[in-house]
PDB file of N, CA and C in Angstrom:
ATOM      1  N   UNK A   1      51.951 -51.390 -39.040  1.00  0.00           N
ATOM      2  CA  UNK A   1      53.188 -51.646 -38.362  1.00  0.00           C
ATOM      3  C   UNK A   1      53.524 -50.437 -37.475  1.00  0.00           C
ATOM      4  N   UNK A   2      53.666 -50.647 -36.212  1.00  0.00           N
ATOM      5  CA  UNK A   2      53.939 -49.568 -35.270  1.00  0.00           C
ATOM      6  C   UNK A   2      55.437 -49.306 -35.185  1.00  0.00           C
ATOM      7  N   UNK A   3      55.783 -48.037 -35.054  1.00  0.00           N
ATOM      8  CA  UNK A   3      57.184 -47.658 -34.866  1.00  0.00           C
ATOM      9  C   UNK A   3      57.274 -46.768 -33.646  1.00  0.00           C
ATOM     10  N   UNK A   4      58.479 -46.589 -33.172  1.00  0.00           N
ATOM     11  CA  UNK A   4      58.692 -45.718 -32.018  1.00  0.00           C
ATOM     12  C   UNK A   4      59.097 -44.318 -32.448  1.00  0.00           C
ATOM     13  N   UNK A   5      58.971 -44.020 -33.730  1.00  0.00           N
ATOM     14  CA  UNK A   5      59.352 -42.714 -34.237  1.00  0.00           C
ATOM     15  C   UNK A   5      58.196 -41.724 -34.066  1.00  0.00           C
ATOM     16  N   UNK A   6      58.554 -40.478 -33.862  1.00  0.00           N
ATOM     17  CA  UNK A   6      57.551 -39.428 -33.785  1.00  0.00           C
ATOM     18  C   UNK A   6      57.048 -39.114 -35.189  1.00  0.00           C
ATOM     19  N   UNK A   7      55.822 -38.663 -35.327  1.00  0.00           N
ATOM     20  CA  UNK A   7      55.327 -38.305 -36.651  1.00  0.00           C
ATOM     21  C   UNK A   7      56.132 -37.141 -37.226  1.00  0.00           C
ATOM     22  N   UNK A   8      56.245 -37.102 -38.532  1.00  0.00           N
ATOM     23  CA  UNK A   8      57.028 -36.048 -39.170  1.00  0.00           C
ATOM     24  C   UNK A   8      56.320 -34.696 -39.114  1.00  0.00           C
ATOM     25  N   UNK A   9      55.009 -34.709 -38.985  1.00  0.00           N
ATOM     26  CA  UNK A   9      54.245 -33.470 -38.896  1.00  0.00           C
ATOM     27  C   UNK A   9      53.711 -33.353 -37.471  1.00  0.00           C
ATOM     28  N   UNK A  10      54.034 -32.269 -36.762  1.00  0.00           N
ATOM     29  CA  UNK A  10      53.526 -32.140 -35.397  1.00  0.00           C
ATOM     30  C   UNK A  10      52.006 -31.995 -35.396  1.00  0.00           C
ATOM     31  N   UNK A  11      51.349 -32.540 -34.385  1.00  0.00           N
ATOM     32  CA  UNK A  11      49.894 -32.398 -34.325  1.00  0.00           C
ATOM     33  C   UNK A  11      49.520 -30.936 -34.125  1.00  0.00           C
ATOM     34  N   UNK A  12      48.396 -30.565 -34.692  1.00  0.00           N
ATOM     35  CA  UNK A  12      47.926 -29.186 -34.526  1.00  0.00           C
ATOM     36  C   UNK A  12      46.711 -29.195 -33.615  1.00  0.00           C
ATOM     37  N   UNK A  13      46.684 -28.278 -32.703  1.00  0.00           N
ATOM     38  CA  UNK A  13      45.524 -28.100 -31.839  1.00  0.00           C
ATOM     39  C   UNK A  13      45.539 -26.689 -31.306  1.00  0.00           C
ATOM     40  N   UNK A  14      44.504 -26.323 -30.630  1.00  0.00           N
ATOM     41  CA  UNK A  14      44.410 -24.959 -30.107  1.00  0.00           C
ATOM     42  C   UNK A  14      44.659 -24.917 -28.609  1.00  0.00           C
ATOM     43  N   UNK A  15      45.309 -25.932 -28.056  1.00  0.00           N
ATOM     44  CA  UNK A  15      45.542 -25.962 -26.609  1.00  0.00           C
ATOM     45  C   UNK A  15      46.328 -24.732 -26.160  1.00  0.00           C
ATOM     46  N   UNK A  16      47.326 -24.328 -26.929  1.00  0.00           N
ATOM     47  CA  UNK A  16      48.134 -23.182 -26.531  1.00  0.00           C
ATOM     48  C   UNK A  16      47.266 -21.931 -26.376  1.00  0.00           C
ATOM     49  N   UNK A  17      46.299 -21.758 -27.261  1.00  0.00           N
ATOM     50  CA  UNK A  17      45.415 -20.599 -27.176  1.00  0.00           C
ATOM     51  C   UNK A  17      44.593 -20.636 -25.897  1.00  0.00           C
ATOM     52  N   UNK A  18      44.047 -21.788 -25.549  1.00  0.00           N
ATOM     53  CA  UNK A  18      43.242 -21.912 -24.344  1.00  0.00           C
ATOM     54  C   UNK A  18      44.115 -21.816 -23.103  1.00  0.00           C
ATOM     55  N   UNK A  19      45.314 -22.340 -23.181  1.00  0.00           N
ATOM     56  CA  UNK A  19      46.192 -22.366 -22.018  1.00  0.00           C
ATOM     57  C   UNK A  19      46.539 -20.960 -21.556  1.00  0.00           C
ATOM     58  N   UNK A  20      46.605 -20.017 -22.465  1.00  0.00           N
ATOM     59  CA  UNK A  20      46.982 -18.659 -22.117  1.00  0.00           C
ATOM     60  C   UNK A  20      45.776 -17.725 -21.972  1.00  0.00           C
ATOM     61  N   UNK A  21      44.572 -18.261 -22.000  1.00  0.00           N
ATOM     62  CA  UNK A  21      43.369 -17.457 -21.888  1.00  0.00           C
ATOM     63  C   UNK A  21      43.186 -16.992 -20.444  1.00  0.00           C
ATOM     64  N   UNK A  22      42.904 -15.702 -20.250  1.00  0.00           N
ATOM     65  CA  UNK A  22      42.755 -15.141 -18.900  1.00  0.00           C
ATOM     66  C   UNK A  22      41.592 -15.768 -18.148  1.00  0.00           C
ATOM     67  N   UNK A  23      40.480 -15.994 -18.829  1.00  0.00           N
ATOM     68  CA  UNK A  23      39.319 -16.590 -18.160  1.00  0.00           C
ATOM     69  C   UNK A  23      39.607 -18.011 -17.712  1.00  0.00           C
ATOM     70  N   UNK A  24      40.301 -18.760 -18.533  1.00  0.00           N
ATOM     71  CA  UNK A  24      40.644 -20.139 -18.168  1.00  0.00           C
ATOM     72  C   UNK A  24      41.593 -20.118 -16.979  1.00  0.00           C
ATOM     73  N   UNK A  25      42.558 -19.207 -16.982  1.00  0.00           N
ATOM     74  CA  UNK A  25      43.486 -19.109 -15.851  1.00  0.00           C
ATOM     75  C   UNK A  25      42.742 -18.741 -14.570  1.00  0.00           C
ATOM     76  N   UNK A  26      41.784 -17.817 -14.668  1.00  0.00           N
ATOM     77  CA  UNK A  26      40.999 -17.437 -13.489  1.00  0.00           C
ATOM     78  C   UNK A  26      40.175 -18.606 -12.983  1.00  0.00           C
ATOM     79  N   UNK A  27      39.573 -19.352 -13.896  1.00  0.00           N
ATOM     80  CA  UNK A  27      38.811 -20.535 -13.522  1.00  0.00           C
ATOM     81  C   UNK A  27      39.702 -21.553 -12.814  1.00  0.00           C
ATOM     82  N   UNK A  28      40.894 -21.765 -13.324  1.00  0.00           N
ATOM     83  CA  UNK A  28      41.825 -22.701 -12.687  1.00  0.00           C
ATOM     84  C   UNK A  28      42.221 -22.224 -11.287  1.00  0.00           C
ATOM     85  N   UNK A  29      42.420 -20.907 -11.130  1.00  0.00           N
ATOM     86  CA  UNK A  29      42.765 -20.379  -9.795  1.00  0.00           C
ATOM     87  C   UNK A  29      41.632 -20.632  -8.804  1.00  0.00           C
ATOM     88  N   UNK A  30      40.384 -20.361  -9.220  1.00  0.00           N
ATOM     89  CA  UNK A  30      39.246 -20.587  -8.331  1.00  0.00           C
ATOM     90  C   UNK A  30      39.098 -22.067  -7.994  1.00  0.00           C
ATOM     91  N   UNK A  31      39.267 -22.911  -8.990  1.00  0.00           N
ATOM     92  CA  UNK A  31      39.158 -24.350  -8.752  1.00  0.00           C
ATOM     93  C   UNK A  31      40.221 -24.814  -7.762  1.00  0.00           C
ATOM     94  N   UNK A  32      41.435 -24.283  -7.903  1.00  0.00           N
ATOM     95  CA  UNK A  32      42.529 -24.644  -6.997  1.00  0.00           C
ATOM     96  C   UNK A  32      42.243 -24.146  -5.573  1.00  0.00           C
ATOM     97  N   UNK A  33      41.700 -22.921  -5.453  1.00  0.00           N
ATOM     98  CA  UNK A  33      41.356 -22.381  -4.132  1.00  0.00           C
ATOM     99  C   UNK A  33      40.303 -23.243  -3.442  1.00  0.00           C
ATOM    100  N   UNK A  34      39.286 -23.650  -4.185  1.00  0.00           N
ATOM    101  CA  UNK A  34      38.229 -24.486  -3.608  1.00  0.00           C
ATOM    102  C   UNK A  34      38.798 -25.839  -3.202  1.00  0.00           C
ATOM    103  N   UNK A  35      39.620 -26.428  -4.055  1.00  0.00           N
ATOM    104  CA  UNK A  35      40.218 -27.725  -3.740  1.00  0.00           C
ATOM    105  C   UNK A  35      41.076 -27.625  -2.483  1.00  0.00           C
ATOM    106  N   UNK A  36      41.857 -26.553  -2.364  1.00  0.00           N
ATOM    107  CA  UNK A  36      42.697 -26.376  -1.169  1.00  0.00           C
ATOM    108  C   UNK A  36      41.858 -26.135   0.073  1.00  0.00           C
ATOM    109  N   UNK A  37      40.770 -25.420  -0.075  1.00  0.00           N
ATOM    110  CA  UNK A  37      39.888 -25.126   1.069  1.00  0.00           C
ATOM    111  C   UNK A  37      39.347 -26.401   1.702  1.00  0.00           C
ATOM    112  N   UNK A  38      39.085 -27.399   0.856  1.00  0.00           N
ATOM    113  CA  UNK A  38      38.513 -28.655   1.341  1.00  0.00           C
ATOM    114  C   UNK A  38      39.517 -29.808   1.297  1.00  0.00           C
ATOM    115  N   UNK A  39      40.795 -29.490   1.179  1.00  0.00           N
ATOM    116  CA  UNK A  39      41.852 -30.510   1.114  1.00  0.00           C
ATOM    117  C   UNK A  39      41.578 -31.548   0.036  1.00  0.00           C
ATOM    118  N   UNK A  40      41.041 -31.109  -1.083  1.00  0.00           N
ATOM    119  CA  UNK A  40      40.728 -31.975  -2.241  1.00  0.00           C
ATOM    120  C   UNK A  40      39.789 -33.118  -1.882  1.00  0.00           C
ATOM    121  N   UNK A  41      38.982 -32.935  -0.849  1.00  0.00           N
ATOM    122  CA  UNK A  41      38.053 -33.974  -0.409  1.00  0.00           C
ATOM    123  C   UNK A  41      36.680 -33.692  -1.022  1.00  0.00           C
ATOM    124  N   UNK A  42      36.304 -34.503  -2.011  1.00  0.00           N
ATOM    125  CA  UNK A  42      35.043 -34.278  -2.709  1.00  0.00           C
ATOM    126  C   UNK A  42      33.833 -34.438  -1.799  1.00  0.00           C
ATOM    127  N   UNK A  43      33.907 -35.337  -0.823  1.00  0.00           N
ATOM    128  CA  UNK A  43      32.787 -35.508   0.103  1.00  0.00           C
ATOM    129  C   UNK A  43      32.557 -34.238   0.913  1.00  0.00           C
ATOM    130  N   UNK A  44      33.633 -33.609   1.386  1.00  0.00           N
ATOM    131  CA  UNK A  44      33.501 -32.368   2.146  1.00  0.00           C
ATOM    132  C   UNK A  44      32.965 -31.244   1.264  1.00  0.00           C
ATOM    133  N   UNK A  45      33.423 -31.195   0.012  1.00  0.00           N
ATOM    134  CA  UNK A  45      32.914 -30.176  -0.916  1.00  0.00           C
ATOM    135  C   UNK A  45      31.420 -30.357  -1.121  1.00  0.00           C
ATOM    136  N   UNK A  46      30.998 -31.591  -1.354  1.00  0.00           N
ATOM    137  CA  UNK A  46      29.577 -31.872  -1.590  1.00  0.00           C
ATOM    138  C   UNK A  46      28.743 -31.506  -0.366  1.00  0.00           C
ATOM    139  N   UNK A  47      29.206 -31.897   0.830  1.00  0.00           N
ATOM    140  CA  UNK A  47      28.470 -31.581   2.057  1.00  0.00           C
ATOM    141  C   UNK A  47      28.308 -30.071   2.212  1.00  0.00           C
ATOM    142  N   UNK A  48      29.380 -29.334   1.969  1.00  0.00           N
ATOM    143  CA  UNK A  48      29.317 -27.890   2.122  1.00  0.00           C
ATOM    144  C   UNK A  48      28.354 -27.273   1.117  1.00  0.00           C
ATOM    145  N   UNK A  49      28.546 -27.554  -0.165  1.00  0.00           N
ATOM    146  CA  UNK A  49      27.751 -26.904  -1.193  1.00  0.00           C
ATOM    147  C   UNK A  49      26.302 -27.370  -1.206  1.00  0.00           C
ATOM    148  N   UNK A  50      26.031 -28.571  -0.722  1.00  0.00           N
ATOM    149  CA  UNK A  50      24.638 -29.010  -0.661  1.00  0.00           C
ATOM    150  C   UNK A  50      23.923 -28.399   0.539  1.00  0.00           C
ATOM    151  N   UNK A  51      24.676 -27.886   1.519  1.00  0.00           N
ATOM    152  CA  UNK A  51      24.045 -27.270   2.689  1.00  0.00           C
ATOM    153  C   UNK A  51      23.872 -25.758   2.536  1.00  0.00           C
ATOM    154  N   UNK A  52      24.489 -25.171   1.537  1.00  0.00           N
ATOM    155  CA  UNK A  52      24.377 -23.728   1.320  1.00  0.00           C
ATOM    156  C   UNK A  52      22.977 -23.430   0.781  1.00  0.00           C
ATOM    157  N   UNK A  53      22.248 -22.519   1.438  1.00  0.00           N
ATOM    158  CA  UNK A  53      20.895 -22.209   0.948  1.00  0.00           C
ATOM    159  C   UNK A  53      20.935 -21.573  -0.438  1.00  0.00           C
ATOM    160  N   UNK A  54      19.950 -21.896  -1.231  1.00  0.00           N
ATOM    161  CA  UNK A  54      19.850 -21.355  -2.580  1.00  0.00           C
ATOM    162  C   UNK A  54      19.123 -20.025  -2.522  1.00  0.00           C
ATOM    163  N   UNK A  55      19.676 -19.019  -3.168  1.00  0.00           N
ATOM    164  CA  UNK A  55      19.073 -17.696  -3.204  1.00  0.00           C
ATOM    165  C   UNK A  55      17.824 -17.744  -4.093  1.00  0.00           C
ATOM    166  N   UNK A  56      16.641 -17.454  -3.523  1.00  0.00           N
ATOM    167  CA  UNK A  56      15.421 -17.541  -4.328  1.00  0.00           C
ATOM    168  C   UNK A  56      15.357 -16.495  -5.443  1.00  0.00           C
ATOM    169  N   UNK A  57      16.184 -15.444  -5.361  1.00  0.00           N
ATOM    170  CA  UNK A  57      16.190 -14.417  -6.399  1.00  0.00           C
ATOM    171  C   UNK A  57      16.937 -14.877  -7.653  1.00  0.00           C
ATOM    172  N   UNK A  58      17.780 -15.879  -7.493  1.00  0.00           N
ATOM    173  CA  UNK A  58      18.559 -16.375  -8.624  1.00  0.00           C
ATOM    174  C   UNK A  58      17.779 -17.503  -9.292  1.00  0.00           C
ATOM    175  N   UNK A  59      17.446 -17.278 -10.541  1.00  0.00           N
ATOM    176  CA  UNK A  59      16.687 -18.287 -11.275  1.00  0.00           C
ATOM    177  C   UNK A  59      17.644 -19.163 -12.073  1.00  0.00           C
ATOM    178  N   UNK A  60      17.336 -20.440 -12.179  1.00  0.00           N
ATOM    179  CA  UNK A  60      18.191 -21.294 -13.010  1.00  0.00           C
ATOM    180  C   UNK A  60      18.065 -20.897 -14.480  1.00  0.00           C
ATOM    181  N   UNK A  61      19.093 -21.132 -15.221  1.00  0.00           N
ATOM    182  CA  UNK A  61      19.078 -20.799 -16.644  1.00  0.00           C
ATOM    183  C   UNK A  61      18.104 -21.709 -17.375  1.00  0.00           C
ATOM    184  N   UNK A  62      17.435 -21.140 -18.346  1.00  0.00           N
ATOM    185  CA  UNK A  62      16.549 -21.940 -19.182  1.00  0.00           C
ATOM    186  C   UNK A  62      17.059 -21.857 -20.609  1.00  0.00           C
ATOM    187  N   UNK A  63      16.961 -22.955 -21.293  1.00  0.00           N
ATOM    188  CA  UNK A  63      17.425 -23.022 -22.670  1.00  0.00           C
ATOM    189  C   UNK A  63      16.218 -23.207 -23.569  1.00  0.00           C
ATOM    190  N   UNK A  64      16.065 -22.297 -24.502  1.00  0.00           N
ATOM    191  CA  UNK A  64      14.971 -22.376 -25.449  1.00  0.00           C
ATOM    192  C   UNK A  64      15.444 -23.120 -26.690  1.00  0.00           C
ATOM    193  N   UNK A  65      14.603 -24.001 -27.220  1.00  0.00           N
ATOM    194  CA  UNK A  65      15.010 -24.701 -28.438  1.00  0.00           C
ATOM    195  C   UNK A  65      15.154 -23.720 -29.604  1.00  0.00           C
ATOM    196  N   UNK A  66      16.093 -24.005 -30.454  1.00  0.00           N
ATOM    197  CA  UNK A  66      16.357 -23.156 -31.612  1.00  0.00           C
ATOM    198  C   UNK A  66      16.036 -23.950 -32.872  1.00  0.00           C
ATOM    199  N   UNK A  67      15.270 -23.348 -33.742  1.00  0.00           N
ATOM    200  CA  UNK A  67      14.938 -23.992 -35.009  1.00  0.00           C
ATOM    201  C   UNK A  67      16.030 -23.661 -36.021  1.00  0.00           C
ATOM    202  N   UNK A  68      16.436 -24.640 -36.801  1.00  0.00           N
ATOM    203  CA  UNK A  68      17.445 -24.344 -37.817  1.00  0.00           C
ATOM    204  C   UNK A  68      16.891 -23.388 -38.874  1.00  0.00           C
ATOM    205  N   UNK A  69      17.696 -22.465 -39.311  1.00  0.00           N
ATOM    206  CA  UNK A  69      17.263 -21.517 -40.336  1.00  0.00           C
ATOM    207  C   UNK A  69      17.768 -21.980 -41.694  1.00  0.00           C
ATOM    208  N   UNK A  70      17.094 -21.538 -42.722  1.00  0.00           N
ATOM    209  CA  UNK A  70      17.525 -21.895 -44.073  1.00  0.00           C
ATOM    210  C   UNK A  70      18.767 -21.090 -44.421  1.00  0.00           C
ATOM    211  N   UNK A  71      19.646 -21.610 -45.272  1.00  0.00           N
ATOM    212  CA  UNK A  71      20.900 -20.913 -45.584  1.00  0.00           C
ATOM    213  C   UNK A  71      20.719 -19.604 -46.343  1.00  0.00           C
ATOM    214  N   UNK A  72      19.537 -19.368 -46.965  1.00  0.00           N
ATOM    215  CA  UNK A  72      19.349 -18.146 -47.736  1.00  0.00           C
ATOM    216  C   UNK A  72      18.912 -16.959 -46.890  1.00  0.00           C
ATOM    217  N   UNK A  73      18.837 -17.094 -45.593  1.00  0.00           N
ATOM    218  CA  UNK A  73      18.424 -15.969 -44.739  1.00  0.00           C
ATOM    219  C   UNK A  73      19.578 -15.114 -44.368  1.00  0.00           C
TER     220      UNK A  73
END
């Protein structure tokens, strides 16, 4: 049976911790700057970033598989 009452116990999450994180705030600022630069036009963003030459000195990240270890180690 659904009610319109709020739950008696507030939900718990860590959003507040992430919301005040300096790195997350910096990421949001950069994302906002890029969006403003291209007037939030995803097609223009794609055209620009797909035309930027890739630096051959920068290697893509590689992920090595990790084997699970036994708990007694």
